[in-house]
C-alpha atoms as a PDB file:
ATOM      1  CA  MET A   1     -23.817 -22.423  13.936  1.00  0.00           C
ATOM      2  CA  ASP A   2     -26.859 -20.766  13.054  1.00  0.00           C
ATOM      3  CA  GLU A   3     -26.160 -19.446   9.261  1.00  0.00           C
ATOM      4  CA  ASN A   4     -27.787 -15.994  10.541  1.00  0.00           C
ATOM      5  CA  GLU A   5     -24.218 -15.772  12.376  1.00  0.00           C
ATOM      6  CA  ILE A   6     -21.609 -16.195   9.382  1.00  0.00           C
ATOM      7  CA  ASP A   7     -21.055 -13.106   7.944  1.00  0.00           C
ATOM      8  CA  ASP A   8     -21.249 -12.982   3.497  1.00  0.00           C
ATOM      9  CA  CYS A   9     -17.693 -11.303   3.627  1.00  0.00           C
ATOM     10  CA  ILE A  10     -15.014 -10.621   6.076  1.00  0.00           C
ATOM     11  CA  ILE A  11     -12.622  -7.271   5.126  1.00  0.00           C
ATOM     12  CA  VAL A  12      -9.296  -7.422   5.983  1.00  0.00           C
ATOM     13  CA  GLY A  13      -7.873  -3.985   5.789  1.00  0.00           C
ATOM     14  CA  GLY A  14      -9.481  -0.311   5.980  1.00  0.00           C
ATOM     15  CA  GLY A  15      -7.603   1.431   3.732  1.00  0.00           C
ATOM     16  CA  PRO A  16      -9.530   2.938  -0.199  1.00  0.00           C
ATOM     17  CA  GLY A  17      -9.654  -0.929  -1.224  1.00  0.00           C
ATOM     18  CA  GLY A  18     -11.026  -1.975   1.351  1.00  0.00           C
ATOM     19  CA  LEU A  19     -13.360   0.592   1.983  1.00  0.00           C
ATOM     20  CA  THR A  20     -14.279   0.323  -1.381  1.00  0.00           C
ATOM     21  CA  ALA A  21     -15.226  -2.921  -1.186  1.00  0.00           C
ATOM     22  CA  ALA A  22     -17.222  -2.670   2.092  1.00  0.00           C
ATOM     23  CA  ILE A  23     -19.344   0.089   0.598  1.00  0.00           C
ATOM     24  CA  TYR A  24     -20.510  -1.971  -2.529  1.00  0.00           C
ATOM     25  CA  LEU A  25     -21.130  -4.885  -0.108  1.00  0.00           C
ATOM     26  CA  ALA A  26     -23.475  -3.159   2.015  1.00  0.00           C
ATOM     27  CA  ARG A  27     -25.178  -1.486  -0.964  1.00  0.00           C
ATOM     28  CA  TYR A  28     -25.212  -5.086  -2.272  1.00  0.00           C
ATOM     29  CA  HIS A  29     -27.257  -6.205   0.920  1.00  0.00           C
ATOM     30  CA  LEU A  30     -24.282  -8.238   2.348  1.00  0.00           C
ATOM     31  CA  SER A  31     -23.660  -8.823   5.863  1.00  0.00           C
ATOM     32  CA  ILE A  32     -19.985  -7.527   6.179  1.00  0.00           C
ATOM     33  CA  ARG A  33     -17.164  -7.057   8.527  1.00  0.00           C
ATOM     34  CA  LEU A  34     -14.789  -4.536   7.928  1.00  0.00           C
ATOM     35  CA  PHE A  35     -11.579  -4.950  10.523  1.00  0.00           C
ATOM     36  CA  ASP A  36      -8.632  -2.363  10.318  1.00  0.00           C
ATOM     37  CA  CYS A  37      -5.745  -2.356  12.775  1.00  0.00           C
ATOM     38  CA  GLY A  38      -5.362   1.050  11.291  1.00  0.00           C
ATOM     39  CA  THR A  39      -2.154   0.818   8.480  1.00  0.00           C
ATOM     40  CA  SER A  40      -3.184   1.828   5.939  1.00  0.00           C
ATOM     41  CA  ARG A  41      -0.448   3.841   3.971  1.00  0.00           C
ATOM     42  CA  ALA A  42      -2.895   6.088   2.888  1.00  0.00           C
ATOM     43  CA  VAL A  43      -3.588   8.412   5.646  1.00  0.00           C
ATOM     44  CA  LEU A  44       0.252   9.164   5.737  1.00  0.00           C
ATOM     45  CA  ILE A  45      -0.158  10.987   2.248  1.00  0.00           C
ATOM     46  CA  PRO A  46      -0.229  14.642   3.054  1.00  0.00           C
ATOM     47  CA  ARG A  47      -2.278  15.497   0.136  1.00  0.00           C
ATOM     48  CA  THR A  48      -3.318  13.544  -3.215  1.00  0.00           C
ATOM     49  CA  ASN A  49      -3.053  14.876  -7.135  1.00  0.00           C
ATOM     50  CA  ASN A  50      -3.632  12.605  -9.469  1.00  0.00           C
ATOM     51  CA  HIS A  51      -7.224  11.232  -7.374  1.00  0.00           C
ATOM     52  CA  ALA A  52      -9.535  12.417  -9.734  1.00  0.00           C
ATOM     53  CA  GLY A  53     -12.023  14.352  -8.613  1.00  0.00           C
ATOM     54  CA  TYR A  54     -10.275  16.698  -6.403  1.00  0.00           C
ATOM     55  CA  PRO A  55      -9.052  19.135  -8.567  1.00  0.00           C
ATOM     56  CA  ASP A  56      -7.018  21.082  -5.557  1.00  0.00           C
ATOM     57  CA  GLY A  57      -5.983  17.255  -4.253  1.00  0.00           C
ATOM     58  CA  ILE A  58      -6.893  15.913  -0.336  1.00  0.00           C
ATOM     59  CA  PRO A  59      -5.041  15.125   2.106  1.00  0.00           C
ATOM     60  CA  GLY A  60      -5.027  11.011   2.605  1.00  0.00           C
ATOM     61  CA  ILE A  61      -6.529  10.983   5.709  1.00  0.00           C
ATOM     62  CA  GLU A  62      -9.781  12.887   4.964  1.00  0.00           C
ATOM     63  CA  LEU A  63      -9.800  11.251   1.632  1.00  0.00           C
ATOM     64  CA  VAL A  64      -9.707   7.949   3.971  1.00  0.00           C
ATOM     65  CA  GLY A  65     -12.232   9.881   6.327  1.00  0.00           C
ATOM     66  CA  ASN A  66     -14.351  10.853   3.644  1.00  0.00           C
ATOM     67  CA  MET A  67     -14.806   6.933   2.316  1.00  0.00           C
ATOM     68  CA  LEU A  68     -15.539   5.577   5.820  1.00  0.00           C
ATOM     69  CA  ALA A  69     -18.178   7.994   6.578  1.00  0.00           C
ATOM     70  CA  GLN A  70     -20.020   6.648   3.085  1.00  0.00           C
ATOM     71  CA  ALA A  71     -19.776   3.367   4.138  1.00  0.00           C
ATOM     72  CA  GLU A  72     -21.251   4.308   7.430  1.00  0.00           C
ATOM     73  CA  LYS A  73     -23.910   5.506   5.382  1.00  0.00           C
ATOM     74  CA  PHE A  74     -24.962   2.211   4.385  1.00  0.00           C
ATOM     75  CA  GLY A  75     -24.258   1.048   7.957  1.00  0.00           C
ATOM     76  CA  VAL A  76     -20.829  -0.713   7.652  1.00  0.00           C
ATOM     77  CA  VAL A  77     -19.224  -0.464  10.980  1.00  0.00           C
ATOM     78  CA  ARG A  78     -14.984  -0.196  10.799  1.00  0.00           C
ATOM     79  CA  GLU A  79     -14.005  -2.623  13.301  1.00  0.00           C
ATOM     80  CA  GLU A  80     -10.463  -1.856  15.280  1.00  0.00           C
ATOM     81  CA  LYS A  81      -9.218  -5.251  15.431  1.00  0.00           C
ATOM     82  CA  LYS A  82      -6.347  -7.237  14.413  1.00  0.00           C
ATOM     83  CA  VAL A  83      -6.531 -10.413  11.946  1.00  0.00           C
ATOM     84  CA  VAL A  84      -3.910 -12.520  12.837  1.00  0.00           C
ATOM     85  CA  HIS A  85      -4.859 -15.998  11.646  1.00  0.00           C
ATOM     86  CA  LEU A  86      -6.986 -17.205   8.523  1.00  0.00           C
ATOM     87  CA  ALA A  87      -7.832 -20.794   7.855  1.00  0.00           C
ATOM     88  CA  LYS A  88     -10.275 -22.482   6.014  1.00  0.00           C
ATOM     89  CA  ALA A  89     -13.228 -25.475   7.213  1.00  0.00           C
ATOM     90  CA  GLY A  90     -15.009 -26.950   4.520  1.00  0.00           C
ATOM     91  CA  ASP A  91     -16.881 -24.079   2.494  1.00  0.00           C
ATOM     92  CA  ARG A  92     -16.448 -21.720   4.986  1.00  0.00           C
ATOM     93  CA  PHE A  93     -13.646 -19.508   6.597  1.00  0.00           C
ATOM     94  CA  ILE A  94     -12.380 -19.236  10.100  1.00  0.00           C
ATOM     95  CA  VAL A  95     -11.004 -15.344  11.132  1.00  0.00           C
ATOM     96  CA  GLY A  96      -8.936 -14.696  13.881  1.00  0.00           C
ATOM     97  CA  THR A  97      -8.476 -11.328  15.700  1.00  0.00           C
ATOM     98  CA  ASP A  98      -6.323 -10.209  18.144  1.00  0.00           C
ATOM     99  CA  GLU A  99     -10.161  -9.872  20.013  1.00  0.00           C
ATOM    100  CA  GLY A 100     -12.038 -12.876  18.916  1.00  0.00           C
ATOM    101  CA  THR A 101     -12.719 -15.624  16.003  1.00  0.00           C
ATOM    102  CA  PHE A 102     -16.042 -15.039  12.835  1.00  0.00           C
ATOM    103  CA  THR A 103     -16.774 -16.779  10.454  1.00  0.00           C
ATOM    104  CA  ALA A 104     -17.512 -15.867   6.804  1.00  0.00           C
ATOM    105  CA  ARG A 105     -18.690 -17.080   3.366  1.00  0.00           C
ATOM    106  CA  SER A 106     -15.694 -14.861   1.841  1.00  0.00           C
ATOM    107  CA  VAL A 107     -12.700 -12.914   2.376  1.00  0.00           C
ATOM    108  CA  LEU A 108     -11.430 -10.238   0.955  1.00  0.00           C
ATOM    109  CA  LEU A 109      -8.278  -9.327   1.717  1.00  0.00           C
ATOM    110  CA  ALA A 110      -6.998  -5.370   1.301  1.00  0.00           C
ATOM    111  CA  THR A 111      -3.605  -5.415   3.883  1.00  0.00           C
ATOM    112  CA  GLY A 112      -1.622  -3.684   1.476  1.00  0.00           C
ATOM    113  CA  VAL A 113       2.075  -2.981   2.256  1.00  0.00           C
ATOM    114  CA  PHE A 114       5.289  -2.006   4.004  1.00  0.00           C
ATOM    115  CA  ASN A 115       7.513   0.358   2.800  1.00  0.00           C
ATOM    116  CA  ARG A 116      10.888   0.116   4.312  1.00  0.00           C
ATOM    117  CA  HIS A 117      11.946   3.399   6.017  1.00  0.00           C
ATOM    118  CA  PRO A 118      15.429   5.097   5.870  1.00  0.00           C
ATOM    119  CA  PRO A 119      18.021   3.213   8.080  1.00  0.00           C
ATOM    120  CA  GLY A 120      18.419   4.733  11.708  1.00  0.00           C
ATOM    121  CA  MET A 121      15.532   6.710  10.914  1.00  0.00           C
ATOM    122  CA  SER A 122      13.466   6.996  13.995  1.00  0.00           C
ATOM    123  CA  ASP A 123       8.894   6.361  13.437  1.00  0.00           C
ATOM    124  CA  ASP A 124       8.479  10.201  14.954  1.00  0.00           C
ATOM    125  CA  PHE A 125      11.188  11.553  12.699  1.00  0.00           C
ATOM    126  CA  HIS A 126       9.372   9.491   9.867  1.00  0.00           C
ATOM    127  CA  ASP A 127       6.273  10.600  10.241  1.00  0.00           C
ATOM    128  CA  LYS A 128       7.455  14.120  10.526  1.00  0.00           C
ATOM    129  CA  VAL A 129       9.447  14.370   7.196  1.00  0.00           C
ATOM    130  CA  MET A 130       6.275  12.536   5.542  1.00  0.00           C
ATOM    131  CA  ALA A 131       3.792  15.169   6.771  1.00  0.00           C
ATOM    132  CA  LYS A 132       6.320  17.751   5.070  1.00  0.00           C
ATOM    133  CA  CYS A 133       6.630  15.883   1.927  1.00  0.00           C
ATOM    134  CA  LEU A 134      10.271  16.195   2.878  1.00  0.00           C
ATOM    135  CA  LEU A 135      10.176  12.076   2.384  1.00  0.00           C
ATOM    136  CA  ARG A 136       8.479  10.562  -0.610  1.00  0.00           C
ATOM    137  CA  TYR A 137       7.706   6.768  -1.321  1.00  0.00           C
ATOM    138  CA  CYS A 138       5.518   7.232  -4.223  1.00  0.00           C
ATOM    139  CA  PRO A 139       7.143   9.287  -7.708  1.00  0.00           C
ATOM    140  CA  VAL A 140       4.072   7.245  -9.914  1.00  0.00           C
ATOM    141  CA  CYS A 141       1.973   9.584  -7.186  1.00  0.00           C
ATOM    142  CA  ASP A 142       4.054  12.434  -6.636  1.00  0.00           C
ATOM    143  CA  GLY A 143       7.042  12.670  -9.175  1.00  0.00           C
ATOM    144  CA  TYR A 144       4.956  15.981 -10.704  1.00  0.00           C
ATOM    145  CA  GLU A 145       5.638  17.803  -7.118  1.00  0.00           C
ATOM    146  CA  VAL A 146       9.677  17.287  -7.689  1.00  0.00           C
ATOM    147  CA  THR A 147       9.923  18.939 -10.950  1.00  0.00           C
ATOM    148  CA  ASP A 148      13.422  20.398 -11.088  1.00  0.00           C
ATOM    149  CA  LYS A 149      13.330  19.848  -7.760  1.00  0.00           C
ATOM    150  CA  ARG A 150      16.788  18.205  -5.608  1.00  0.00           C
ATOM    151  CA  VAL A 151      16.023  14.740  -4.980  1.00  0.00           C
ATOM    152  CA  GLY A 152      17.923  12.336  -3.484  1.00  0.00           C
ATOM    153  CA  ILE A 153      16.973   9.153  -3.216  1.00  0.00           C
ATOM    154  CA  ILE A 154      18.298   5.873  -0.608  1.00  0.00           C
ATOM    155  CA  GLY A 155      18.934   2.487  -2.341  1.00  0.00           C
ATOM    156  CA  THR A 156      21.087   0.813  -4.851  1.00  0.00           C
ATOM    157  CA  GLY A 157      21.362  -2.236  -7.496  1.00  0.00           C
ATOM    158  CA  GLU A 158      18.561  -2.168 -10.006  1.00  0.00           C
ATOM    159  CA  HIS A 159      15.618  -1.259  -8.023  1.00  0.00           C
ATOM    160  CA  GLY A 160      17.429   1.937  -6.810  1.00  0.00           C
ATOM    161  CA  THR A 161      18.533   2.872 -10.098  1.00  0.00           C
ATOM    162  CA  ALA A 162      15.104   2.132 -11.783  1.00  0.00           C
ATOM    163  CA  GLU A 163      13.585   4.266  -9.190  1.00  0.00           C
ATOM    164  CA  ALA A 164      16.238   7.453 -10.383  1.00  0.00           C
ATOM    165  CA  LEU A 165      15.343   6.683 -13.903  1.00  0.00           C
ATOM    166  CA  PHE A 166      11.751   7.364 -13.493  1.00  0.00           C
ATOM    167  CA  LEU A 167      12.310  10.505 -11.420  1.00  0.00           C
ATOM    168  CA  ARG A 168      15.318  11.064 -13.941  1.00  0.00           C
ATOM    169  CA  GLY A 169      12.098  12.258 -16.008  1.00  0.00           C
ATOM    170  CA  PHE A 170      10.860  15.069 -13.839  1.00  0.00           C
ATOM    171  CA  THR A 171      14.171  16.481 -12.617  1.00  0.00           C
ATOM    172  CA  ARG A 172      18.075  17.109 -13.731  1.00  0.00           C
ATOM    173  CA  ASP A 173      19.295  16.948 -10.072  1.00  0.00           C
ATOM    174  CA  ILE A 174      19.156  13.317  -8.733  1.00  0.00           C
ATOM    175  CA  THR A 175      21.940  12.202  -6.268  1.00  0.00           C
ATOM    176  CA  LEU A 176      21.164   7.932  -5.469  1.00  0.00           C
ATOM    177  CA  ILE A 177      23.118   7.520  -2.030  1.00  0.00           C
ATOM    178  CA  ALA A 178      23.970   4.061  -1.227  1.00  0.00           C
ATOM    179  CA  PRO A 179      22.134   2.698   2.364  1.00  0.00           C
ATOM    180  CA  ARG A 180      25.077   0.899   3.881  1.00  0.00           C
ATOM    181  CA  GLY A 181      28.827   1.341   2.662  1.00  0.00           C
ATOM    182  CA  GLU A 182      29.261   1.318  -1.215  1.00  0.00           C
ATOM    183  CA  HIS A 183      26.680   0.749  -3.821  1.00  0.00           C
ATOM    184  CA  ASN A 184      25.593  -2.678  -4.946  1.00  0.00           C
ATOM    185  CA  LEU A 185      25.791  -1.904  -9.029  1.00  0.00           C
ATOM    186  CA  SER A 186      26.091  -3.654 -12.067  1.00  0.00           C
ATOM    187  CA  GLY A 187      27.694  -2.623 -15.030  1.00  0.00           C
ATOM    188  CA  GLU A 188      24.506  -1.979 -16.798  1.00  0.00           C
ATOM    189  CA  CYS A 189      23.259  -0.193 -13.508  1.00  0.00           C
ATOM    190  CA  MET A 190      26.157   2.342 -13.961  1.00  0.00           C
ATOM    191  CA  ASP A 191      26.030   2.984 -17.810  1.00  0.00           C
ATOM    192  CA  GLN A 192      22.525   4.095 -17.432  1.00  0.00           C
ATOM    193  CA  LEU A 193      23.199   6.445 -14.505  1.00  0.00           C
ATOM    194  CA  ASP A 194      25.934   7.739 -16.264  1.00  0.00           C
ATOM    195  CA  GLU A 195      23.999   7.973 -19.267  1.00  0.00           C
ATOM    196  CA  ALA A 196      21.385   9.606 -17.039  1.00  0.00           C
ATOM    197  CA  ALA A 197      24.116  12.246 -15.422  1.00  0.00           C
ATOM    198  CA  ILE A 198      22.653  10.763 -12.241  1.00  0.00           C
ATOM    199  CA  ALA A 199      25.218  11.400  -9.499  1.00  0.00           C
ATOM    200  CA  ARG A 200      25.928   8.896  -7.082  1.00  0.00           C
ATOM    201  CA  THR A 201      27.223   8.766  -3.574  1.00  0.00           C
ATOM    202  CA  GLN A 202      27.914   5.959  -0.611  1.00  0.00           C
ATOM    203  CA  GLY A 203      26.726   5.455   2.340  1.00  0.00           C
ATOM    204  CA  PRO A 204      25.974   4.632   5.484  1.00  0.00           C
ATOM    205  CA  CYS A 205      23.053   6.975   5.776  1.00  0.00           C
ATOM    206  CA  GLY A 206      21.624   7.286   9.319  1.00  0.00           C
ATOM    207  CA  ARG A 207      21.019  10.733  10.438  1.00  0.00           C
ATOM    208  CA  TYR A 208      18.897  12.807   9.315  1.00  0.00           C
ATOM    209  CA  GLU A 209      18.090  16.238   9.477  1.00  0.00           C
ATOM    210  CA  ILE A 210      15.306  18.689   8.781  1.00  0.00           C
ATOM    211  CA  ARG A 211      17.190  22.371   7.482  1.00  0.00           C
ATOM    212  CA  GLY A 212      14.538  24.794   6.432  1.00  0.00           C
ATOM    213  CA  ASP A 213      12.644  23.464   3.834  1.00  0.00           C
ATOM    214  CA  ARG A 214      15.197  20.701   3.389  1.00  0.00           C
ATOM    215  CA  LEU A 215      15.792  17.342   4.248  1.00  0.00           C
ATOM    216  CA  ALA A 216      19.502  16.661   5.126  1.00  0.00           C
ATOM    217  CA  VAL A 217      21.180  13.249   4.867  1.00  0.00           C
ATOM    218  CA  GLU A 218      24.093  12.644   6.080  1.00  0.00           C
ATOM    219  CA  THR A 219      26.606  10.443   3.429  1.00  0.00           C
ATOM    220  CA  ALA A 220      29.913   9.540   3.164  1.00  0.00           C
ATOM    221  CA  GLU A 221      31.033  12.699   1.413  1.00  0.00           C
ATOM    222  CA  GLY A 222      29.375  14.988   4.216  1.00  0.00           C
ATOM    223  CA  TRP A 223      26.073  16.116   4.759  1.00  0.00           C
ATOM    224  CA  LEU A 224      23.603  16.621   1.606  1.00  0.00           C
ATOM    225  CA  GLU A 225      20.648  18.489   1.245  1.00  0.00           C
ATOM    226  CA  PHE A 226      17.335  17.494  -1.035  1.00  0.00           C
ATOM    227  CA  ASP A 227      13.910  19.248  -1.731  1.00  0.00           C
ATOM    228  CA  SER A 228      12.388  15.491  -1.543  1.00  0.00           C
ATOM    229  CA  VAL A 229      14.030  12.419  -0.580  1.00  0.00           C
ATOM    230  CA  TYR A 230      12.536   8.954  -2.089  1.00  0.00           C
ATOM    231  CA  PRO A 231      13.871   5.705   0.218  1.00  0.00           C
ATOM    232  CA  ALA A 232      13.918   2.925  -2.437  1.00  0.00           C
ATOM    233  CA  LEU A 233      14.595  -0.195  -0.031  1.00  0.00           C
ATOM    234  CA  GLY A 234      11.591  -2.363  -1.532  1.00  0.00           C
ATOM    235  CA  SER A 235       8.341  -2.998   0.530  1.00  0.00           C
ATOM    236  CA  ASP A 236       7.180  -6.026   2.391  1.00  0.00           C
ATOM    237  CA  ILE A 237       3.708  -7.391   1.432  1.00  0.00           C
ATOM    238  CA  ARG A 238       1.056  -7.958   3.653  1.00  0.00           C
ATOM    239  CA  SER A 239       0.383 -11.752   2.184  1.00  0.00           C
ATOM    240  CA  GLU A 240       0.640 -13.917   5.153  1.00  0.00           C
ATOM    241  CA  LEU A 241      -3.100 -14.333   5.502  1.00  0.00           C
ATOM    242  CA  ALA A 242      -3.080 -15.977   2.127  1.00  0.00           C
ATOM    243  CA  GLN A 243      -0.152 -17.488   2.018  1.00  0.00           C
ATOM    244  CA  ALA A 244      -1.522 -19.497   6.040  1.00  0.00           C
ATOM    245  CA  VAL A 245      -4.579 -20.526   3.933  1.00  0.00           C
ATOM    246  CA  GLY A 246      -2.563 -22.216   1.086  1.00  0.00           C
ATOM    247  CA  ALA A 247      -3.246 -19.040  -1.663  1.00  0.00           C
ATOM    248  CA  LYS A 248      -0.913 -18.536  -4.242  1.00  0.00           C
ATOM    249  CA  CYS A 249       1.390 -16.246  -4.336  1.00  0.00           C
ATOM    250  CA  GLY A 250       4.558 -14.536  -6.926  1.00  0.00           C
ATOM    251  CA  GLU A 251       8.072 -14.422  -5.981  1.00  0.00           C
ATOM    252  CA  ASN A 252       7.807 -11.235  -4.321  1.00  0.00           C
ATOM    253  CA  GLY A 253       4.646 -12.510  -2.082  1.00  0.00           C
ATOM    254  CA  CYS A 254       2.356 -10.784  -4.077  1.00  0.00           C
ATOM    255  CA  ILE A 255      -0.846 -12.203  -3.891  1.00  0.00           C
ATOM    256  CA  VAL A 256      -1.879 -13.997  -7.246  1.00  0.00           C
ATOM    257  CA  VAL A 257      -5.540 -13.042  -8.782  1.00  0.00           C
ATOM    258  CA  ASP A 258      -7.611 -13.452 -11.664  1.00  0.00           C
ATOM    259  CA  ASP A 259      -9.813 -10.650 -14.040  1.00  0.00           C
ATOM    260  CA  HIS A 260     -12.022 -10.854 -10.803  1.00  0.00           C
ATOM    261  CA  MET A 261      -9.548 -10.410  -8.172  1.00  0.00           C
ATOM    262  CA  ARG A 262     -10.266 -14.429  -6.726  1.00  0.00           C
ATOM    263  CA  THR A 263      -7.362 -15.784  -5.456  1.00  0.00           C
ATOM    264  CA  SER A 264      -6.471 -19.552  -6.265  1.00  0.00           C
ATOM    265  CA  VAL A 265      -8.295 -20.552  -3.087  1.00  0.00           C
ATOM    266  CA  PRO A 266     -12.286 -20.261  -3.145  1.00  0.00           C
ATOM    267  CA  GLY A 267     -14.231 -17.699  -1.681  1.00  0.00           C
ATOM    268  CA  LEU A 268     -10.671 -15.510  -1.054  1.00  0.00           C
ATOM    269  CA  TYR A 269     -10.469 -12.006  -2.450  1.00  0.00           C
ATOM    270  CA  ALA A 270      -7.447  -9.780  -3.026  1.00  0.00           C
ATOM    271  CA  VAL A 271      -7.319  -6.324  -3.856  1.00  0.00           C
ATOM    272  CA  GLY A 272      -5.060  -3.021  -4.034  1.00  0.00           C
ATOM    273  CA  ASP A 273      -1.031  -3.070  -3.301  1.00  0.00           C
ATOM    274  CA  VAL A 274      -1.048  -6.587  -1.758  1.00  0.00           C
ATOM    275  CA  VAL A 275      -1.935  -8.063  -5.275  1.00  0.00           C
ATOM    276  CA  LYS A 276       0.397  -5.328  -7.385  1.00  0.00           C
ATOM    277  CA  GLY A 277       2.363  -3.068  -5.665  1.00  0.00           C
ATOM    278  CA  LEU A 278       1.630   0.194  -8.204  1.00  0.00           C
ATOM    279  CA  ASP A 279       0.821   2.095  -5.391  1.00  0.00           C
ATOM    280  CA  GLN A 280      -2.590   3.387  -7.058  1.00  0.00           C
ATOM    281  CA  ILE A 281      -5.077   4.477  -4.817  1.00  0.00           C
ATOM    282  CA  GLY A 282      -7.869   4.482  -8.296  1.00  0.00           C
ATOM    283  CA  HIS A 283      -6.356   0.656  -8.906  1.00  0.00           C
ATOM    284  CA  ALA A 284      -7.248  -0.604  -5.343  1.00  0.00           C
ATOM    285  CA  MET A 285     -10.483   1.510  -5.408  1.00  0.00           C
ATOM    286  CA  GLY A 286     -11.041  -0.416  -9.096  1.00  0.00           C
ATOM    287  CA  GLY A 287     -10.301  -4.186  -8.142  1.00  0.00           C
ATOM    288  CA  ALA A 288     -12.450  -3.532  -4.954  1.00  0.00           C
ATOM    289  CA  GLY A 289     -15.303  -2.965  -7.039  1.00  0.00           C
ATOM    290  CA  ILE A 290     -14.731  -6.061  -9.093  1.00  0.00           C
ATOM    291  CA  ALA A 291     -14.298  -8.439  -6.575  1.00  0.00           C
ATOM    292  CA  ALA A 292     -17.611  -7.492  -4.396  1.00  0.00           C
ATOM    293  CA  THR A 293     -19.711  -7.540  -7.862  1.00  0.00           C
ATOM    294  CA  ASP A 294     -18.213 -10.967  -8.239  1.00  0.00           C
ATOM    295  CA  ILE A 295     -18.717 -12.185  -4.529  1.00  0.00           C
ATOM    296  CA  ARG A 296     -22.566 -10.779  -4.808  1.00  0.00           C
ATOM    297  CA  ASN A 297     -23.023 -12.862  -7.868  1.00  0.00           C
ATOM    298  CA  THR A 298     -21.369 -16.027  -6.090  1.00  0.00           C
ATOM    299  CA  LEU A 299     -22.828 -15.781  -3.172  1.00  0.00           C
ATOM    300  CA  ALA A 300     -26.170 -15.357  -5.018  1.00  0.00           C
ATOM    301  CA  GLU A 301     -25.636 -18.737  -6.463  1.00  0.00           C
ATOM    302  CA  GLN A 302     -25.245 -20.452  -3.591  1.00  0.00           C
ATOM    303  CA  ARG A 303     -28.577 -19.053  -1.800  1.00  0.00           C
ATOM    304  CA  PRO A 304     -30.972 -15.912  -2.081  1.00  0.00           C
ATOM    305  CA  ILE A 305     -29.353 -13.021  -0.887  1.00  0.00           C
ATOM    306  CA  ARG A 306     -32.900 -11.382   0.218  1.00  0.00           C
ATOM    307  CA  ARG A 307     -35.110 -13.285   2.243  1.00  0.00           C
END
């Protein structure tokens, strides 16, 4: 293959992390491709209020749109392709998509995670209540918005307990709802919930209604209405591509990286929630800047960047 046909870096994922990396790499005069299948969680955020620089907050779709416009200014082209395969041949990466195969000197994964939806909730209804801020996933991002509001948490066990205790710092009115049948709570979890005066009720969940400005959830004790509901059901880490090429992952599936966002496979980088499920745009963007600069410096050691 002609060396000129090999990309310096292929970025997988067009959310804040992937787009930040694209901006950096394009401004380093590297040849890059940005593949995105359109499933970034950031575009679903009705309004992010803790992203610095926007005093009145900014809708996620607008923020991502602004970032894409900035990347395009420097020559980045977002290609709507789904990456289905990743392999390494020598010091090159083979990136297989649903529309062809490409070769790169390095790859950056910004594939994120998928939040598990409440049981029985249709995709259309899910997106509707998300847009109305009746359903939320990130108490770190928007716990402030539910201050002194009535909050329901669909979850159980240690994960559900931890989410309830975190949100207890914003409101006293919290109910932990078992997603299916009875709660699975240890004695320690029950003691912590009781001490924090957090109510709990059994499931099953499965039916939901919008009632005015509230989301109603059917439980074993009947319908309960909340100003906002948080699913605490865990996430699916999108680290399959990294695993396919032999990159080290943690027990929870997150990709293991060093301080330069390098994985255990030379030339493969990862940033954002696929590395650590902090669910923070700023975290993904910061990691992307670190990774992009290391990619530039590493490639510069191999060959001149500008000819």
